[in-house]
Amino acid sequence: METLLTVVVSLLVGVVIGFLASSWHHRKNNGGVQAKAAEEKLQDYRQEVEQHFAKTADLIDHLTDSYKDVFSHLSESAEHLLTEEQIKNQLLNRKAREVTLKYLKGDEAKDPSDPPNLTG
């Protein structure tokens, strides 16, 4: 009878230990899955942010090129359509503003590769 009691107690202890080990292993693996999912989500977000800023930089480059094209067009038109006296009068009339015809005039011009200053 003692042997039977020892076997039953041992069996119960083994079942309890097995259950605890199994639930610990399950929690450990589930936590790893959740951590991996969170890491993948973070990586996706980082990639999305990187793509956003790359696209924004491309759009700003395009915008800058468009401004340069407009100023180049204005410069060519001013030289072709206006006399030297008309250009000087326009410069005097717009003296207080940042975006002026002085950009269009060669000797007073900024470097054409500089983006325009649109304040004022």
PDB file of N, CA and C in Angstrom:
ATOM      1  N   MET A   1       0.805  -1.175   0.000  1.00  0.00           N
ATOM      2  CA  MET A   1       0.000   0.000   0.000  1.00  0.00           C
ATOM      3  C   MET A   1       0.858   1.252   0.000  1.00  0.00           C
ATOM      4  N   GLU A   2       1.922   1.227   0.729  1.00  0.00           N
ATOM      5  CA  GLU A   2       2.835   2.367   0.752  1.00  0.00           C
ATOM      6  C   GLU A   2       3.430   2.625  -0.617  1.00  0.00           C
ATOM      7  N   THR A   3       3.719   1.591  -1.325  1.00  0.00           N
ATOM      8  CA  THR A   3       4.297   1.723  -2.656  1.00  0.00           C
ATOM      9  C   THR A   3       3.278   2.365  -3.590  1.00  0.00           C
ATOM     10  N   LEU A   4       2.053   1.971  -3.448  1.00  0.00           N
ATOM     11  CA  LEU A   4       0.998   2.548  -4.289  1.00  0.00           C
ATOM     12  C   LEU A   4       0.822   4.024  -3.971  1.00  0.00           C
ATOM     13  N   LEU A   5       0.866   4.398  -2.718  1.00  0.00           N
ATOM     14  CA  LEU A   5       0.752   5.780  -2.291  1.00  0.00           C
ATOM     15  C   LEU A   5       1.924   6.591  -2.825  1.00  0.00           C
ATOM     16  N   THR A   6       3.118   6.035  -2.776  1.00  0.00           N
ATOM     17  CA  THR A   6       4.310   6.708  -3.285  1.00  0.00           C
ATOM     18  C   THR A   6       4.190   6.922  -4.788  1.00  0.00           C
ATOM     19  N   VAL A   7       3.683   5.939  -5.494  1.00  0.00           N
ATOM     20  CA  VAL A   7       3.517   6.047  -6.952  1.00  0.00           C
ATOM     21  C   VAL A   7       2.481   7.125  -7.279  1.00  0.00           C
ATOM     22  N   VAL A   8       1.381   7.158  -6.554  1.00  0.00           N
ATOM     23  CA  VAL A   8       0.321   8.144  -6.813  1.00  0.00           C
ATOM     24  C   VAL A   8       0.814   9.549  -6.509  1.00  0.00           C
ATOM     25  N   VAL A   9       1.490   9.714  -5.361  1.00  0.00           N
ATOM     26  CA  VAL A   9       2.030  11.036  -5.002  1.00  0.00           C
ATOM     27  C   VAL A   9       3.071  11.462  -6.040  1.00  0.00           C
ATOM     28  N   SER A  10       3.940  10.567  -6.422  1.00  0.00           N
ATOM     29  CA  SER A  10       4.965  10.871  -7.422  1.00  0.00           C
ATOM     30  C   SER A  10       4.315  11.250  -8.752  1.00  0.00           C
ATOM     31  N   LEU A  11       3.268  10.536  -9.088  1.00  0.00           N
ATOM     32  CA  LEU A  11       2.556  10.836 -10.325  1.00  0.00           C
ATOM     33  C   LEU A  11       1.914  12.216 -10.259  1.00  0.00           C
ATOM     34  N   LEU A  12       1.302  12.556  -9.143  1.00  0.00           N
ATOM     35  CA  LEU A  12       0.689  13.877  -8.983  1.00  0.00           C
ATOM     36  C   LEU A  12       1.739  14.985  -9.015  1.00  0.00           C
ATOM     37  N   VAL A  13       2.856  14.769  -8.326  1.00  0.00           N
ATOM     38  CA  VAL A  13       3.941  15.754  -8.342  1.00  0.00           C
ATOM     39  C   VAL A  13       4.468  15.917  -9.769  1.00  0.00           C
ATOM     40  N   GLY A  14       4.610  14.835 -10.496  1.00  0.00           N
ATOM     41  CA  GLY A  14       5.075  14.888 -11.886  1.00  0.00           C
ATOM     42  C   GLY A  14       4.110  15.638 -12.782  1.00  0.00           C
ATOM     43  N   VAL A  15       2.820  15.426 -12.580  1.00  0.00           N
ATOM     44  CA  VAL A  15       1.803  16.127 -13.373  1.00  0.00           C
ATOM     45  C   VAL A  15       1.838  17.623 -13.069  1.00  0.00           C
ATOM     46  N   VAL A  16       1.954  17.986 -11.802  1.00  0.00           N
ATOM     47  CA  VAL A  16       2.014  19.404 -11.417  1.00  0.00           C
ATOM     48  C   VAL A  16       3.267  20.054 -12.005  1.00  0.00           C
ATOM     49  N   ILE A  17       4.413  19.382 -11.868  1.00  0.00           N
ATOM     50  CA  ILE A  17       5.660  19.920 -12.427  1.00  0.00           C
ATOM     51  C   ILE A  17       5.555  20.034 -13.951  1.00  0.00           C
ATOM     52  N   GLY A  18       5.000  19.051 -14.603  1.00  0.00           N
ATOM     53  CA  GLY A  18       4.811  19.084 -16.057  1.00  0.00           C
ATOM     54  C   GLY A  18       3.902  20.224 -16.482  1.00  0.00           C
ATOM     55  N   PHE A  19       2.808  20.405 -15.722  1.00  0.00           N
ATOM     56  CA  PHE A  19       1.883  21.497 -16.033  1.00  0.00           C
ATOM     57  C   PHE A  19       2.560  22.850 -15.879  1.00  0.00           C
ATOM     58  N   LEU A  20       3.302  23.042 -14.782  1.00  0.00           N
ATOM     59  CA  LEU A  20       3.999  24.312 -14.552  1.00  0.00           C
ATOM     60  C   LEU A  20       5.061  24.572 -15.631  1.00  0.00           C
ATOM     61  N   ALA A  21       5.798  23.541 -15.977  1.00  0.00           N
ATOM     62  CA  ALA A  21       6.826  23.692 -17.016  1.00  0.00           C
ATOM     63  C   ALA A  21       6.189  24.021 -18.361  1.00  0.00           C
ATOM     64  N   SER A  22       5.095  23.377 -18.656  1.00  0.00           N
ATOM     65  CA  SER A  22       4.403  23.619 -19.925  1.00  0.00           C
ATOM     66  C   SER A  22       3.866  25.048 -19.995  1.00  0.00           C
ATOM     67  N   SER A  23       3.235  25.513 -18.914  1.00  0.00           N
ATOM     68  CA  SER A  23       2.682  26.873 -18.937  1.00  0.00           C
ATOM     69  C   SER A  23       3.796  27.919 -18.969  1.00  0.00           C
ATOM     70  N   TRP A  24       4.921  27.665 -18.304  1.00  0.00           N
ATOM     71  CA  TRP A  24       6.070  28.583 -18.339  1.00  0.00           C
ATOM     72  C   TRP A  24       6.624  28.652 -19.762  1.00  0.00           C
ATOM     73  N   HIS A  25       6.754  27.507 -20.400  1.00  0.00           N
ATOM     74  CA  HIS A  25       7.277  27.450 -21.767  1.00  0.00           C
ATOM     75  C   HIS A  25       6.329  28.177 -22.732  1.00  0.00           C
ATOM     76  N   HIS A  26       5.039  27.995 -22.547  1.00  0.00           N
ATOM     77  CA  HIS A  26       4.043  28.650 -23.402  1.00  0.00           C
ATOM     78  C   HIS A  26       4.107  30.166 -23.240  1.00  0.00           C
ATOM     79  N   ARG A  27       4.195  30.662 -22.005  1.00  0.00           N
ATOM     80  CA  ARG A  27       4.300  32.098 -21.759  1.00  0.00           C
ATOM     81  C   ARG A  27       5.576  32.676 -22.358  1.00  0.00           C
ATOM     82  N   LYS A  28       6.667  31.917 -22.206  1.00  0.00           N
ATOM     83  CA  LYS A  28       7.953  32.378 -22.743  1.00  0.00           C
ATOM     84  C   LYS A  28       7.865  32.504 -24.263  1.00  0.00           C
ATOM     85  N   ASN A  29       7.324  31.523 -24.939  1.00  0.00           N
ATOM     86  CA  ASN A  29       7.201  31.564 -26.401  1.00  0.00           C
ATOM     87  C   ASN A  29       6.216  32.641 -26.852  1.00  0.00           C
ATOM     88  N   ASN A  30       5.121  32.793 -26.155  1.00  0.00           N
ATOM     89  CA  ASN A  30       4.135  33.800 -26.508  1.00  0.00           C
ATOM     90  C   ASN A  30       4.724  35.205 -26.366  1.00  0.00           C
ATOM     91  N   GLY A  31       5.493  35.441 -25.343  1.00  0.00           N
ATOM     92  CA  GLY A  31       6.171  36.737 -25.159  1.00  0.00           C
ATOM     93  C   GLY A  31       7.146  36.994 -26.291  1.00  0.00           C
ATOM     94  N   GLY A  32       7.830  35.976 -26.738  1.00  0.00           N
ATOM     95  CA  GLY A  32       8.761  36.114 -27.864  1.00  0.00           C
ATOM     96  C   GLY A  32       8.034  36.456 -29.150  1.00  0.00           C
ATOM     97  N   VAL A  33       6.870  35.852 -29.354  1.00  0.00           N
ATOM     98  CA  VAL A  33       6.070  36.144 -30.543  1.00  0.00           C
ATOM     99  C   VAL A  33       5.589  37.590 -30.507  1.00  0.00           C
ATOM    100  N   GLN A  34       5.131  38.026 -29.348  1.00  0.00           N
ATOM    101  CA  GLN A  34       4.671  39.410 -29.209  1.00  0.00           C
ATOM    102  C   GLN A  34       5.826  40.392 -29.415  1.00  0.00           C
ATOM    103  N   ALA A  35       6.982  40.083 -28.871  1.00  0.00           N
ATOM    104  CA  ALA A  35       8.140  40.960 -29.046  1.00  0.00           C
ATOM    105  C   ALA A  35       8.546  41.024 -30.510  1.00  0.00           C
ATOM    106  N   LYS A  36       8.510  39.894 -31.185  1.00  0.00           N
ATOM    107  CA  LYS A  36       8.865  39.862 -32.606  1.00  0.00           C
ATOM    108  C   LYS A  36       7.863  40.668 -33.422  1.00  0.00           C
ATOM    109  N   ALA A  37       6.588  40.552 -33.109  1.00  0.00           N
ATOM    110  CA  ALA A  37       5.554  41.309 -33.819  1.00  0.00           C
ATOM    111  C   ALA A  37       5.743  42.811 -33.598  1.00  0.00           C
ATOM    112  N   ALA A  38       6.053  43.189 -32.364  1.00  0.00           N
ATOM    113  CA  ALA A  38       6.292  44.609 -32.065  1.00  0.00           C
ATOM    114  C   ALA A  38       7.522  45.116 -32.804  1.00  0.00           C
ATOM    115  N   GLU A  39       8.568  44.322 -32.883  1.00  0.00           N
ATOM    116  CA  GLU A  39       9.795  44.700 -33.598  1.00  0.00           C
ATOM    117  C   GLU A  39       9.516  44.870 -35.089  1.00  0.00           C
ATOM    118  N   GLU A  40       8.711  43.966 -35.675  1.00  0.00           N
ATOM    119  CA  GLU A  40       8.357  44.082 -37.093  1.00  0.00           C
ATOM    120  C   GLU A  40       7.523  45.335 -37.349  1.00  0.00           C
ATOM    121  N   LYS A  41       6.603  45.629 -36.437  1.00  0.00           N
ATOM    122  CA  LYS A  41       5.778  46.817 -36.579  1.00  0.00           C
ATOM    123  C   LYS A  41       6.639  48.078 -36.505  1.00  0.00           C
ATOM    124  N   LEU A  42       7.593  48.112 -35.596  1.00  0.00           N
ATOM    125  CA  LEU A  42       8.506  49.246 -35.476  1.00  0.00           C
ATOM    126  C   LEU A  42       9.357  49.393 -36.734  1.00  0.00           C
ATOM    127  N   GLN A  43       9.840  48.290 -37.258  1.00  0.00           N
ATOM    128  CA  GLN A  43      10.651  48.319 -38.484  1.00  0.00           C
ATOM    129  C   GLN A  43       9.825  48.845 -39.664  1.00  0.00           C
ATOM    130  N   ASP A  44       8.571  48.418 -39.775  1.00  0.00           N
ATOM    131  CA  ASP A  44       7.684  48.917 -40.836  1.00  0.00           C
ATOM    132  C   ASP A  44       7.478  50.425 -40.707  1.00  0.00           C
ATOM    133  N   TYR A  45       7.271  50.886 -39.483  1.00  0.00           N
ATOM    134  CA  TYR A  45       7.079  52.313 -39.233  1.00  0.00           C
ATOM    135  C   TYR A  45       8.327  53.098 -39.630  1.00  0.00           C
ATOM    136  N   ARG A  46       9.491  52.612 -39.242  1.00  0.00           N
ATOM    137  CA  ARG A  46      10.744  53.298 -39.596  1.00  0.00           C
ATOM    138  C   ARG A  46      10.904  53.387 -41.115  1.00  0.00           C
ATOM    139  N   GLN A  47      10.575  52.319 -41.813  1.00  0.00           N
ATOM    140  CA  GLN A  47      10.685  52.318 -43.268  1.00  0.00           C
ATOM    141  C   GLN A  47       9.695  53.322 -43.877  1.00  0.00           C
ATOM    142  N   GLU A  48       8.505  53.384 -43.328  1.00  0.00           N
ATOM    143  CA  GLU A  48       7.503  54.336 -43.818  1.00  0.00           C
ATOM    144  C   GLU A  48       7.971  55.774 -43.611  1.00  0.00           C
ATOM    145  N   VAL A  49       8.568  56.063 -42.452  1.00  0.00           N
ATOM    146  CA  VAL A  49       9.093  57.404 -42.171  1.00  0.00           C
ATOM    147  C   VAL A  49      10.228  57.737 -43.139  1.00  0.00           C
ATOM    148  N   GLU A  50      11.109  56.786 -43.367  1.00  0.00           N
ATOM    149  CA  GLU A  50      12.228  56.998 -44.293  1.00  0.00           C
ATOM    150  C   GLU A  50      11.706  57.305 -45.697  1.00  0.00           C
ATOM    151  N   GLN A  51      10.715  56.556 -46.164  1.00  0.00           N
ATOM    152  CA  GLN A  51      10.139  56.791 -47.488  1.00  0.00           C
ATOM    153  C   GLN A  51       9.456  58.158 -47.555  1.00  0.00           C
ATOM    154  N   HIS A  52       8.796  58.542 -46.474  1.00  0.00           N
ATOM    155  CA  HIS A  52       8.131  59.842 -46.428  1.00  0.00           C
ATOM    156  C   HIS A  52       9.144  60.966 -46.607  1.00  0.00           C
ATOM    157  N   PHE A  53      10.247  60.918 -45.861  1.00  0.00           N
ATOM    158  CA  PHE A  53      11.223  62.006 -45.943  1.00  0.00           C
ATOM    159  C   PHE A  53      11.991  61.983 -47.262  1.00  0.00           C
ATOM    160  N   ALA A  54      12.210  60.827 -47.833  1.00  0.00           N
ATOM    161  CA  ALA A  54      12.857  60.752 -49.143  1.00  0.00           C
ATOM    162  C   ALA A  54      11.952  61.394 -50.201  1.00  0.00           C
ATOM    163  N   LYS A  55      10.661  61.091 -50.154  1.00  0.00           N
ATOM    164  CA  LYS A  55       9.701  61.682 -51.098  1.00  0.00           C
ATOM    165  C   LYS A  55       9.616  63.191 -50.893  1.00  0.00           C
ATOM    166  N   THR A  56       9.596  63.639 -49.632  1.00  0.00           N
ATOM    167  CA  THR A  56       9.542  65.069 -49.336  1.00  0.00           C
ATOM    168  C   THR A  56      10.775  65.780 -49.889  1.00  0.00           C
ATOM    169  N   ALA A  57      11.941  65.194 -49.715  1.00  0.00           N
ATOM    170  CA  ALA A  57      13.172  65.790 -50.239  1.00  0.00           C
ATOM    171  C   ALA A  57      13.116  65.889 -51.760  1.00  0.00           C
ATOM    172  N   ASP A  58      12.615  64.851 -52.420  1.00  0.00           N
ATOM    173  CA  ASP A  58      12.481  64.896 -53.883  1.00  0.00           C
ATOM    174  C   ASP A  58      11.528  66.004 -54.313  1.00  0.00           C
ATOM    175  N   LEU A  59      10.417  66.146 -53.615  1.00  0.00           N
ATOM    176  CA  LEU A  59       9.451  67.187 -53.955  1.00  0.00           C
ATOM    177  C   LEU A  59      10.026  68.581 -53.741  1.00  0.00           C
ATOM    178  N   ILE A  60      10.789  68.770 -52.677  1.00  0.00           N
ATOM    179  CA  ILE A  60      11.418  70.070 -52.425  1.00  0.00           C
ATOM    180  C   ILE A  60      12.463  70.368 -53.493  1.00  0.00           C
ATOM    181  N   ASP A  61      13.227  69.353 -53.906  1.00  0.00           N
ATOM    182  CA  ASP A  61      14.182  69.553 -54.998  1.00  0.00           C
ATOM    183  C   ASP A  61      13.457  69.991 -56.270  1.00  0.00           C
ATOM    184  N   HIS A  62      12.335  69.334 -56.564  1.00  0.00           N
ATOM    185  CA  HIS A  62      11.556  69.687 -57.749  1.00  0.00           C
ATOM    186  C   HIS A  62      11.020  71.114 -57.635  1.00  0.00           C
ATOM    187  N   LEU A  63      10.528  71.481 -56.462  1.00  0.00           N
ATOM    188  CA  LEU A  63      10.017  72.830 -56.230  1.00  0.00           C
ATOM    189  C   LEU A  63      11.119  73.868 -56.420  1.00  0.00           C
ATOM    190  N   THR A  64      12.304  73.591 -55.891  1.00  0.00           N
ATOM    191  CA  THR A  64      13.443  74.506 -56.042  1.00  0.00           C
ATOM    192  C   THR A  64      13.804  74.669 -57.517  1.00  0.00           C
ATOM    193  N   ASP A  65      13.833  73.563 -58.243  1.00  0.00           N
ATOM    194  CA  ASP A  65      14.121  73.632 -59.679  1.00  0.00           C
ATOM    195  C   ASP A  65      13.061  74.458 -60.407  1.00  0.00           C
ATOM    196  N   SER A  66      11.811  74.322 -60.006  1.00  0.00           N
ATOM    197  CA  SER A  66      10.735  75.099 -60.632  1.00  0.00           C
ATOM    198  C   SER A  66      10.915  76.587 -60.363  1.00  0.00           C
ATOM    199  N   TYR A  67      11.275  76.955 -59.125  1.00  0.00           N
ATOM    200  CA  TYR A  67      11.538  78.364 -58.815  1.00  0.00           C
ATOM    201  C   TYR A  67      12.696  78.896 -59.655  1.00  0.00           C
ATOM    202  N   LYS A  68      13.741  78.100 -59.801  1.00  0.00           N
ATOM    203  CA  LYS A  68      14.878  78.525 -60.620  1.00  0.00           C
ATOM    204  C   LYS A  68      14.447  78.748 -62.061  1.00  0.00           C
ATOM    205  N   ASP A  69      13.609  77.851 -62.576  1.00  0.00           N
ATOM    206  CA  ASP A  69      13.109  78.002 -63.949  1.00  0.00           C
ATOM    207  C   ASP A  69      12.292  79.284 -64.105  1.00  0.00           C
ATOM    208  N   VAL A  70      11.442  79.588 -63.118  1.00  0.00           N
ATOM    209  CA  VAL A  70      10.633  80.811 -63.169  1.00  0.00           C
ATOM    210  C   VAL A  70      11.541  82.034 -63.165  1.00  0.00           C
ATOM    211  N   PHE A  71      12.521  82.077 -62.291  1.00  0.00           N
ATOM    212  CA  PHE A  71      13.413  83.232 -62.217  1.00  0.00           C
ATOM    213  C   PHE A  71      14.269  83.355 -63.479  1.00  0.00           C
ATOM    214  N   SER A  72      14.665  82.230 -64.027  1.00  0.00           N
ATOM    215  CA  SER A  72      15.413  82.264 -65.276  1.00  0.00           C
ATOM    216  C   SER A  72      14.536  82.831 -66.391  1.00  0.00           C
ATOM    217  N   HIS A  73      13.297  82.389 -66.455  1.00  0.00           N
ATOM    218  CA  HIS A  73      12.355  82.893 -67.453  1.00  0.00           C
ATOM    219  C   HIS A  73      12.150  84.399 -67.275  1.00  0.00           C
ATOM    220  N   LEU A  74      11.959  84.845 -66.049  1.00  0.00           N
ATOM    221  CA  LEU A  74      11.773  86.277 -65.789  1.00  0.00           C
ATOM    222  C   LEU A  74      13.011  87.072 -66.183  1.00  0.00           C
ATOM    223  N   SER A  75      14.170  86.537 -65.893  1.00  0.00           N
ATOM    224  CA  SER A  75      15.421  87.217 -66.230  1.00  0.00           C
ATOM    225  C   SER A  75      15.550  87.392 -67.735  1.00  0.00           C
ATOM    226  N   GLU A  76      15.312  86.308 -68.468  1.00  0.00           N
ATOM    227  CA  GLU A  76      15.414  86.371 -69.929  1.00  0.00           C
ATOM    228  C   GLU A  76      14.375  87.329 -70.499  1.00  0.00           C
ATOM    229  N   SER A  77      13.161  87.278 -69.956  1.00  0.00           N
ATOM    230  CA  SER A  77      12.104  88.164 -70.435  1.00  0.00           C
ATOM    231  C   SER A  77      12.412  89.620 -70.128  1.00  0.00           C
ATOM    232  N   ALA A  78      12.905  89.900 -68.937  1.00  0.00           N
ATOM    233  CA  ALA A  78      13.227  91.275 -68.558  1.00  0.00           C
ATOM    234  C   ALA A  78      14.316  91.843 -69.455  1.00  0.00           C
ATOM    235  N   GLU A  79      15.336  91.057 -69.705  1.00  0.00           N
ATOM    236  CA  GLU A  79      16.423  91.537 -70.567  1.00  0.00           C
ATOM    237  C   GLU A  79      15.936  91.755 -71.991  1.00  0.00           C
ATOM    238  N   HIS A  80      15.009  90.935 -72.444  1.00  0.00           N
ATOM    239  CA  HIS A  80      14.513  91.032 -73.819  1.00  0.00           C
ATOM    240  C   HIS A  80      13.437  92.123 -73.958  1.00  0.00           C
ATOM    241  N   LEU A  81      12.562  92.247 -72.963  1.00  0.00           N
ATOM    242  CA  LEU A  81      11.394  93.115 -73.103  1.00  0.00           C
ATOM    243  C   LEU A  81      11.557  94.502 -72.480  1.00  0.00           C
ATOM    244  N   LEU A  82      12.465  94.672 -71.529  1.00  0.00           N
ATOM    245  CA  LEU A  82      12.599  95.950 -70.822  1.00  0.00           C
ATOM    246  C   LEU A  82      13.908  96.637 -71.208  1.00  0.00           C
ATOM    247  N   THR A  83      13.856  97.946 -71.164  1.00  0.00           N
ATOM    248  CA  THR A  83      15.090  98.709 -71.383  1.00  0.00           C
ATOM    249  C   THR A  83      15.834  98.813 -70.064  1.00  0.00           C
ATOM    250  N   GLU A  84      17.069  99.244 -70.135  1.00  0.00           N
ATOM    251  CA  GLU A  84      17.885  99.436 -68.926  1.00  0.00           C
ATOM    252  C   GLU A  84      17.209 100.421 -67.973  1.00  0.00           C
ATOM    253  N   GLU A  85      16.625 101.476 -68.527  1.00  0.00           N
ATOM    254  CA  GLU A  85      15.936 102.486 -67.711  1.00  0.00           C
ATOM    255  C   GLU A  85      14.720 101.895 -67.014  1.00  0.00           C
ATOM    256  N   GLN A  86      13.946 101.064 -67.693  1.00  0.00           N
ATOM    257  CA  GLN A  86      12.764 100.431 -67.098  1.00  0.00           C
ATOM    258  C   GLN A  86      13.164  99.483 -65.969  1.00  0.00           C
ATOM    259  N   ILE A  87      14.253  98.764 -66.166  1.00  0.00           N
ATOM    260  CA  ILE A  87      14.730  97.852 -65.112  1.00  0.00           C
ATOM    261  C   ILE A  87      15.132  98.652 -63.877  1.00  0.00           C
ATOM    262  N   LYS A  88      15.872  99.762 -64.069  1.00  0.00           N
ATOM    263  CA  LYS A  88      16.286 100.607 -62.928  1.00  0.00           C
ATOM    264  C   LYS A  88      15.062 101.158 -62.201  1.00  0.00           C
ATOM    265  N   ASN A  89      14.039 101.586 -62.946  1.00  0.00           N
ATOM    266  CA  ASN A  89      12.821 102.109 -62.310  1.00  0.00           C
ATOM    267  C   ASN A  89      12.114 101.026 -61.506  1.00  0.00           C
ATOM    268  N   GLN A  90      12.046  99.821 -62.046  1.00  0.00           N
ATOM    269  CA  GLN A  90      11.424  98.705 -61.319  1.00  0.00           C
ATOM    270  C   GLN A  90      12.194  98.391 -60.037  1.00  0.00           C
ATOM    271  N   LEU A  91      13.513  98.442 -60.123  1.00  0.00           N
ATOM    272  CA  LEU A  91      14.324  98.188 -58.925  1.00  0.00           C
ATOM    273  C   LEU A  91      14.072  99.245 -57.859  1.00  0.00           C
ATOM    274  N   LEU A  92      13.967 100.482 -58.260  1.00  0.00           N
ATOM    275  CA  LEU A  92      13.702 101.554 -57.291  1.00  0.00           C
ATOM    276  C   LEU A  92      12.310 101.406 -56.675  1.00  0.00           C
ATOM    277  N   ASN A  93      11.321 101.045 -57.479  1.00  0.00           N
ATOM    278  CA  ASN A  93       9.950 100.894 -56.979  1.00  0.00           C
ATOM    279  C   ASN A  93       9.806  99.714 -56.020  1.00  0.00           C
ATOM    280  N   ARG A  94      10.584  98.682 -56.199  1.00  0.00           N
ATOM    281  CA  ARG A  94      10.464  97.461 -55.389  1.00  0.00           C
ATOM    282  C   ARG A  94      11.613  97.308 -54.412  1.00  0.00           C
ATOM    283  N   LYS A  95      12.293  98.361 -54.106  1.00  0.00           N
ATOM    284  CA  LYS A  95      13.515  98.345 -53.297  1.00  0.00           C
ATOM    285  C   LYS A  95      13.349  97.638 -51.943  1.00  0.00           C
ATOM    286  N   ALA A  96      12.226  97.798 -51.301  1.00  0.00           N
ATOM    287  CA  ALA A  96      12.044  97.267 -49.952  1.00  0.00           C
ATOM    288  C   ALA A  96      11.682  95.789 -49.923  1.00  0.00           C
ATOM    289  N   ARG A  97      11.442  95.183 -51.062  1.00  0.00           N
ATOM    290  CA  ARG A  97      11.016  93.792 -51.084  1.00  0.00           C
ATOM    291  C   ARG A  97      12.185  92.873 -51.386  1.00  0.00           C
ATOM    292  N   GLU A  98      12.119  91.659 -50.846  1.00  0.00           N
ATOM    293  CA  GLU A  98      13.189  90.676 -51.045  1.00  0.00           C
ATOM    294  C   GLU A  98      13.199  90.090 -52.451  1.00  0.00           C
ATOM    295  N   VAL A  99      12.005  89.745 -52.966  1.00  0.00           N
ATOM    296  CA  VAL A  99      11.929  89.181 -54.313  1.00  0.00           C
ATOM    297  C   VAL A  99      11.811  90.362 -55.265  1.00  0.00           C
ATOM    298  N   THR A 100      12.901  90.705 -55.913  1.00  0.00           N
ATOM    299  CA  THR A 100      12.921  91.899 -56.758  1.00  0.00           C
ATOM    300  C   THR A 100      13.515  91.580 -58.112  1.00  0.00           C
ATOM    301  N   LEU A 101      13.473  92.564 -58.952  1.00  0.00           N
ATOM    302  CA  LEU A 101      14.079  92.430 -60.268  1.00  0.00           C
ATOM    303  C   LEU A 101      15.598  92.455 -60.188  1.00  0.00           C
ATOM    304  N   LYS A 102      16.162  92.841 -59.035  1.00  0.00           N
ATOM    305  CA  LYS A 102      17.624  92.830 -58.949  1.00  0.00           C
ATOM    306  C   LYS A 102      18.161  91.422 -59.136  1.00  0.00           C
ATOM    307  N   TYR A 103      17.344  90.433 -58.844  1.00  0.00           N
ATOM    308  CA  TYR A 103      17.736  89.054 -59.139  1.00  0.00           C
ATOM    309  C   TYR A 103      17.904  88.880 -60.646  1.00  0.00           C
ATOM    310  N   LEU A 104      17.073  89.578 -61.385  1.00  0.00           N
ATOM    311  CA  LEU A 104      17.079  89.441 -62.831  1.00  0.00           C
ATOM    312  C   LEU A 104      18.242  90.190 -63.484  1.00  0.00           C
ATOM    313  N   LYS A 105      18.771  91.171 -62.795  1.00  0.00           N
ATOM    314  CA  LYS A 105      19.835  91.998 -63.364  1.00  0.00           C
ATOM    315  C   LYS A 105      21.181  91.369 -63.039  1.00  0.00           C
ATOM    316  N   GLY A 106      22.001  91.143 -64.043  1.00  0.00           N
ATOM    317  CA  GLY A 106      23.247  90.391 -63.889  1.00  0.00           C
ATOM    318  C   GLY A 106      24.218  90.921 -62.862  1.00  0.00           C
ATOM    319  N   ASP A 107      24.558  92.232 -62.886  1.00  0.00           N
ATOM    320  CA  ASP A 107      25.610  92.736 -61.994  1.00  0.00           C
ATOM    321  C   ASP A 107      25.153  92.840 -60.550  1.00  0.00           C
ATOM    322  N   GLU A 108      23.859  92.936 -60.287  1.00  0.00           N
ATOM    323  CA  GLU A 108      23.359  93.023 -58.912  1.00  0.00           C
ATOM    324  C   GLU A 108      22.746  91.700 -58.458  1.00  0.00           C
ATOM    325  N   ALA A 109      22.822  90.703 -59.303  1.00  0.00           N
ATOM    326  CA  ALA A 109      22.102  89.448 -59.039  1.00  0.00           C
ATOM    327  C   ALA A 109      22.824  88.582 -58.038  1.00  0.00           C
ATOM    328  N   LYS A 110      21.991  87.788 -57.371  1.00  0.00           N
ATOM    329  CA  LYS A 110      22.531  86.713 -56.548  1.00  0.00           C
ATOM    330  C   LYS A 110      22.928  85.588 -57.480  1.00  0.00           C
ATOM    331  N   ASP A 111      23.586  84.595 -56.929  1.00  0.00           N
ATOM    332  CA  ASP A 111      23.927  83.395 -57.698  1.00  0.00           C
ATOM    333  C   ASP A 111      22.629  82.719 -58.120  1.00  0.00           C
ATOM    334  N   PRO A 112      22.404  82.481 -59.423  1.00  0.00           N
ATOM    335  CA  PRO A 112      21.137  81.884 -59.868  1.00  0.00           C
ATOM    336  C   PRO A 112      20.886  80.495 -59.317  1.00  0.00           C
ATOM    337  N   SER A 113      21.922  79.816 -58.820  1.00  0.00           N
ATOM    338  CA  SER A 113      21.683  78.483 -58.264  1.00  0.00           C
ATOM    339  C   SER A 113      21.142  78.553 -56.833  1.00  0.00           C
ATOM    340  N   ASP A 114      21.193  79.753 -56.212  1.00  0.00           N
ATOM    341  CA  ASP A 114      20.615  79.927 -54.872  1.00  0.00           C
ATOM    342  C   ASP A 114      19.107  79.922 -54.982  1.00  0.00           C
ATOM    343  N   PRO A 115      18.411  79.276 -54.034  1.00  0.00           N
ATOM    344  CA  PRO A 115      16.954  79.332 -54.076  1.00  0.00           C
ATOM    345  C   PRO A 115      16.490  80.746 -53.741  1.00  0.00           C
ATOM    346  N   PRO A 116      15.357  81.171 -54.272  1.00  0.00           N
ATOM    347  CA  PRO A 116      14.883  82.531 -54.035  1.00  0.00           C
ATOM    348  C   PRO A 116      14.429  82.716 -52.590  1.00  0.00           C
ATOM    349  N   ASN A 117      14.600  83.942 -52.103  1.00  0.00           N
ATOM    350  CA  ASN A 117      14.116  84.314 -50.788  1.00  0.00           C
ATOM    351  C   ASN A 117      12.764  84.970 -50.991  1.00  0.00           C
ATOM    352  N   LEU A 118      11.690  84.341 -50.547  1.00  0.00           N
ATOM    353  CA  LEU A 118      10.348  84.821 -50.827  1.00  0.00           C
ATOM    354  C   LEU A 118       9.734  85.572 -49.654  1.00  0.00           C
ATOM    355  N   THR A 119      10.521  86.066 -48.719  1.00  0.00           N
ATOM    356  CA  THR A 119       9.974  86.838 -47.592  1.00  0.00           C
ATOM    357  C   THR A 119       9.769  88.271 -48.027  1.00  0.00           C
ATOM    358  N   GLY A 120       8.853  88.952 -47.315  1.00  0.00           N
ATOM    359  CA  GLY A 120       8.656  90.364 -47.588  1.00  0.00           C
ATOM    360  C   GLY A 120       7.529  90.544 -48.466  1.00  0.00           C
TER     361      GLY A 120
END
